Amino acid sequence: MTTSPLTAASFLARSIESDQQRFAQEAERLAEQAARIAKNPPAAGRTTASGEIARLIQEATSLLKRAVALETGLEAVALMNSETGEK
């Protein structure tokens, strides 16, 4: 069994894969939360929609930051690989 040498690019790529999985799970959770909000609009006796939307926005903002970090990491891996000639 041969193993490829551990490089900064390969380490970062593995870390990104893990982060992508967590990102996807979080995005699914946010989508489910948004669907619950859509199914339960503000009504008499139900005044929590604005709070739920505020939380959704906060969590979406956090997810946006994670997306930017992932994209930056992917670009870094691509640059590292292009410098070493790897794919």
N, C-alpha and C. Protein backbone atom coordinates (compact mmCIF):
# COMPACT_ATOMS: atom_id res chain seq x y z
N MET A 1 0.84 -1.17 0.00
CA MET A 1 0.00 0.00 0.00
C MET A 1 0.89 1.23 0.00
N THR A 2 0.72 2.07 -0.98
CA THR A 2 1.49 3.31 -1.03
C THR A 2 0.59 4.45 -0.60
N THR A 3 1.18 5.36 0.11
CA THR A 3 0.44 6.54 0.53
C THR A 3 1.13 7.76 -0.04
N SER A 4 0.32 8.72 -0.40
CA SER A 4 0.91 9.94 -0.94
C SER A 4 1.46 10.76 0.22
N PRO A 5 2.49 11.52 -0.05
CA PRO A 5 3.07 12.31 1.02
C PRO A 5 2.08 13.38 1.49
N LEU A 6 2.13 13.66 2.75
CA LEU A 6 1.27 14.69 3.32
C LEU A 6 1.85 16.05 2.97
N THR A 7 1.11 16.79 2.20
CA THR A 7 1.53 18.14 1.84
C THR A 7 0.54 19.11 2.44
N ALA A 8 0.91 20.37 2.42
CA ALA A 8 0.00 21.40 2.93
C ALA A 8 -1.30 21.38 2.13
N ALA A 9 -1.18 21.21 0.83
CA ALA A 9 -2.37 21.19 -0.04
C ALA A 9 -3.27 20.00 0.29
N SER A 10 -2.68 18.81 0.47
CA SER A 10 -3.50 17.63 0.76
C SER A 10 -4.14 17.73 2.15
N PHE A 11 -3.41 18.27 3.10
CA PHE A 11 -3.97 18.46 4.44
C PHE A 11 -5.14 19.43 4.39
N LEU A 12 -4.94 20.55 3.70
CA LEU A 12 -5.99 21.56 3.58
C LEU A 12 -7.19 20.98 2.83
N ALA A 13 -6.95 20.19 1.79
CA ALA A 13 -8.05 19.59 1.03
C ALA A 13 -8.88 18.67 1.91
N ARG A 14 -8.24 17.87 2.74
CA ARG A 14 -8.97 16.97 3.65
C ARG A 14 -9.78 17.76 4.66
N SER A 15 -9.20 18.81 5.17
CA SER A 15 -9.91 19.67 6.10
C SER A 15 -11.13 20.32 5.44
N ILE A 16 -10.96 20.74 4.20
CA ILE A 16 -12.06 21.36 3.46
C ILE A 16 -13.19 20.36 3.23
N GLU A 17 -12.84 19.12 2.91
CA GLU A 17 -13.87 18.10 2.71
C GLU A 17 -14.73 17.94 3.95
N SER A 18 -14.11 17.92 5.09
CA SER A 18 -14.84 17.81 6.34
C SER A 18 -15.72 19.05 6.56
N ASP A 19 -15.17 20.21 6.29
CA ASP A 19 -15.92 21.46 6.43
C ASP A 19 -17.10 21.51 5.45
N GLN A 20 -16.91 20.98 4.25
CA GLN A 20 -17.99 20.96 3.26
C GLN A 20 -19.15 20.09 3.74
N GLN A 21 -18.84 18.97 4.37
CA GLN A 21 -19.90 18.11 4.90
C GLN A 21 -20.68 18.82 6.00
N ARG A 22 -19.97 19.48 6.91
CA ARG A 22 -20.64 20.23 7.97
C ARG A 22 -21.45 21.39 7.38
N PHE A 23 -20.90 22.04 6.36
CA PHE A 23 -21.60 23.14 5.70
C PHE A 23 -22.92 22.63 5.10
N ALA A 24 -22.87 21.50 4.41
CA ALA A 24 -24.07 20.94 3.78
C ALA A 24 -25.12 20.59 4.82
N GLN A 25 -24.69 20.03 5.94
CA GLN A 25 -25.63 19.70 7.01
C GLN A 25 -26.28 20.96 7.57
N GLU A 26 -25.47 21.98 7.78
CA GLU A 26 -26.00 23.25 8.30
C GLU A 26 -26.95 23.90 7.30
N ALA A 27 -26.62 23.85 6.02
CA ALA A 27 -27.50 24.42 4.99
C ALA A 27 -28.83 23.68 4.95
N GLU A 28 -28.80 22.36 5.08
CA GLU A 28 -30.04 21.57 5.12
C GLU A 28 -30.88 21.97 6.34
N ARG A 29 -30.23 22.14 7.46
CA ARG A 29 -30.94 22.54 8.68
C ARG A 29 -31.59 23.91 8.51
N LEU A 30 -30.86 24.84 7.89
CA LEU A 30 -31.42 26.16 7.65
C LEU A 30 -32.61 26.10 6.69
N ALA A 31 -32.51 25.26 5.68
CA ALA A 31 -33.61 25.11 4.73
C ALA A 31 -34.85 24.56 5.44
N GLU A 32 -34.65 23.60 6.32
CA GLU A 32 -35.77 23.05 7.09
C GLU A 32 -36.38 24.12 8.00
N GLN A 33 -35.52 24.93 8.60
CA GLN A 33 -36.00 26.01 9.46
C GLN A 33 -36.80 27.02 8.64
N ALA A 34 -36.31 27.37 7.46
CA ALA A 34 -37.02 28.31 6.60
C ALA A 34 -38.37 27.73 6.16
N ALA A 35 -38.40 26.44 5.89
CA ALA A 35 -39.66 25.79 5.49
C ALA A 35 -40.67 25.83 6.64
N ARG A 36 -40.20 25.62 7.86
CA ARG A 36 -41.11 25.69 9.03
C ARG A 36 -41.68 27.10 9.16
N ILE A 37 -40.83 28.10 8.96
CA ILE A 37 -41.30 29.49 9.04
C ILE A 37 -42.35 29.75 7.96
N ALA A 38 -42.09 29.26 6.75
CA ALA A 38 -43.03 29.47 5.65
C ALA A 38 -44.38 28.80 5.91
N LYS A 39 -44.35 27.65 6.56
CA LYS A 39 -45.59 26.93 6.84
C LYS A 39 -46.36 27.52 8.01
N ASN A 40 -45.71 28.36 8.79
CA ASN A 40 -46.33 28.94 9.98
C ASN A 40 -46.17 30.46 9.99
N PRO A 41 -46.86 31.15 9.08
CA PRO A 41 -46.72 32.61 9.03
C PRO A 41 -47.31 33.27 10.28
N PRO A 42 -46.98 34.54 10.47
CA PRO A 42 -47.55 35.24 11.63
C PRO A 42 -49.09 35.18 11.58
N ALA A 43 -49.67 34.94 12.72
CA ALA A 43 -51.13 34.87 12.82
C ALA A 43 -51.52 35.26 14.23
N ALA A 44 -52.79 35.46 14.43
CA ALA A 44 -53.30 35.76 15.76
C ALA A 44 -52.89 34.63 16.70
N GLY A 45 -52.30 34.98 17.79
CA GLY A 45 -51.86 33.98 18.75
C GLY A 45 -50.47 33.42 18.45
N ARG A 46 -49.91 33.76 17.31
CA ARG A 46 -48.55 33.31 16.96
C ARG A 46 -47.74 34.52 16.57
N THR A 47 -46.94 34.97 17.49
CA THR A 47 -46.18 36.20 17.25
C THR A 47 -44.68 35.96 17.32
N THR A 48 -44.25 34.74 17.05
CA THR A 48 -42.81 34.43 17.15
C THR A 48 -42.10 34.42 15.80
N ALA A 49 -42.83 34.67 14.72
CA ALA A 49 -42.23 34.58 13.38
C ALA A 49 -41.06 35.54 13.22
N SER A 50 -41.19 36.76 13.71
CA SER A 50 -40.10 37.72 13.53
C SER A 50 -38.84 37.27 14.26
N GLY A 51 -38.98 36.70 15.42
CA GLY A 51 -37.83 36.17 16.15
C GLY A 51 -37.20 34.99 15.43
N GLU A 52 -38.04 34.12 14.87
CA GLU A 52 -37.54 32.97 14.13
C GLU A 52 -36.78 33.43 12.89
N ILE A 53 -37.31 34.45 12.22
CA ILE A 53 -36.64 34.98 11.03
C ILE A 53 -35.32 35.64 11.41
N ALA A 54 -35.30 36.36 12.51
CA ALA A 54 -34.05 36.99 12.97
C ALA A 54 -32.98 35.93 13.24
N ARG A 55 -33.37 34.83 13.88
CA ARG A 55 -32.42 33.73 14.13
C ARG A 55 -31.96 33.09 12.81
N LEU A 56 -32.88 32.93 11.88
CA LEU A 56 -32.54 32.37 10.58
C LEU A 56 -31.52 33.26 9.87
N ILE A 57 -31.72 34.55 9.94
CA ILE A 57 -30.78 35.49 9.31
C ILE A 57 -29.41 35.40 9.97
N GLN A 58 -29.36 35.32 11.29
CA GLN A 58 -28.08 35.20 11.99
C GLN A 58 -27.36 33.92 11.57
N GLU A 59 -28.10 32.83 11.51
CA GLU A 59 -27.48 31.56 11.14
C GLU A 59 -27.07 31.55 9.67
N ALA A 60 -27.86 32.20 8.82
CA ALA A 60 -27.51 32.29 7.40
C ALA A 60 -26.25 33.14 7.22
N THR A 61 -26.11 34.18 8.03
CA THR A 61 -24.92 35.02 7.98
C THR A 61 -23.69 34.20 8.37
N SER A 62 -23.84 33.38 9.38
CA SER A 62 -22.74 32.50 9.79
C SER A 62 -22.40 31.52 8.68
N LEU A 63 -23.42 30.98 8.03
CA LEU A 63 -23.20 30.04 6.93
C LEU A 63 -22.52 30.75 5.75
N LEU A 64 -22.88 31.98 5.51
CA LEU A 64 -22.23 32.77 4.46
C LEU A 64 -20.74 32.93 4.74
N LYS A 65 -20.39 33.22 5.98
CA LYS A 65 -18.98 33.36 6.36
C LYS A 65 -18.24 32.05 6.13
N ARG A 66 -18.90 30.94 6.47
CA ARG A 66 -18.26 29.63 6.27
C ARG A 66 -18.09 29.33 4.78
N ALA A 67 -19.08 29.75 3.97
CA ALA A 67 -18.97 29.54 2.52
C ALA A 67 -17.78 30.31 1.96
N VAL A 68 -17.60 31.54 2.41
CA VAL A 68 -16.47 32.34 1.94
C VAL A 68 -15.16 31.68 2.35
N ALA A 69 -15.09 31.18 3.58
CA ALA A 69 -13.87 30.51 4.04
C ALA A 69 -13.60 29.25 3.22
N LEU A 70 -14.64 28.49 2.92
CA LEU A 70 -14.47 27.28 2.10
C LEU A 70 -13.99 27.64 0.70
N GLU A 71 -14.59 28.65 0.10
CA GLU A 71 -14.18 29.06 -1.24
C GLU A 71 -12.73 29.52 -1.26
N THR A 72 -12.35 30.25 -0.23
CA THR A 72 -10.97 30.72 -0.13
C THR A 72 -10.02 29.53 0.02
N GLY A 73 -10.40 28.57 0.84
CA GLY A 73 -9.59 27.37 1.01
C GLY A 73 -9.45 26.58 -0.27
N LEU A 74 -10.54 26.46 -1.01
CA LEU A 74 -10.50 25.73 -2.29
C LEU A 74 -9.58 26.44 -3.28
N GLU A 75 -9.64 27.75 -3.31
CA GLU A 75 -8.75 28.50 -4.19
C GLU A 75 -7.29 28.31 -3.77
N ALA A 76 -7.04 28.28 -2.47
CA ALA A 76 -5.68 28.08 -1.97
C ALA A 76 -5.15 26.71 -2.38
N VAL A 77 -5.98 25.68 -2.25
CA VAL A 77 -5.57 24.33 -2.65
C VAL A 77 -5.26 24.30 -4.15
N ALA A 78 -6.11 24.93 -4.94
CA ALA A 78 -5.88 24.96 -6.38
C ALA A 78 -4.56 25.65 -6.71
N LEU A 79 -4.28 26.73 -6.03
CA LEU A 79 -3.02 27.45 -6.27
C LEU A 79 -1.83 26.61 -5.84
N MET A 80 -1.92 25.97 -4.68
CA MET A 80 -0.83 25.12 -4.21
C MET A 80 -0.57 23.98 -5.18
N ASN A 81 -1.66 23.38 -5.66
CA ASN A 81 -1.51 22.26 -6.60
C ASN A 81 -0.95 22.72 -7.95
N SER A 82 -1.34 23.90 -8.37
CA SER A 82 -0.81 24.38 -9.65
C SER A 82 0.68 24.68 -9.54
N GLU A 83 1.13 25.08 -8.37
CA GLU A 83 2.56 25.34 -8.17
C GLU A 83 3.36 24.04 -8.17
N THR A 84 2.74 22.96 -7.69
CA THR A 84 3.45 21.68 -7.62
C THR A 84 3.12 20.76 -8.78
N GLY A 85 2.18 21.18 -9.61
CA GLY A 85 1.81 20.36 -10.77
C GLY A 85 0.87 19.22 -10.42
N GLU A 86 0.27 19.23 -9.22
CA GLU A 86 -0.67 18.18 -8.83
C GLU A 86 -2.08 18.58 -9.20
N LYS A 87 -2.98 17.59 -9.16
CA LYS A 87 -4.40 17.86 -9.43
C LYS A 87 -5.20 17.73 -8.17
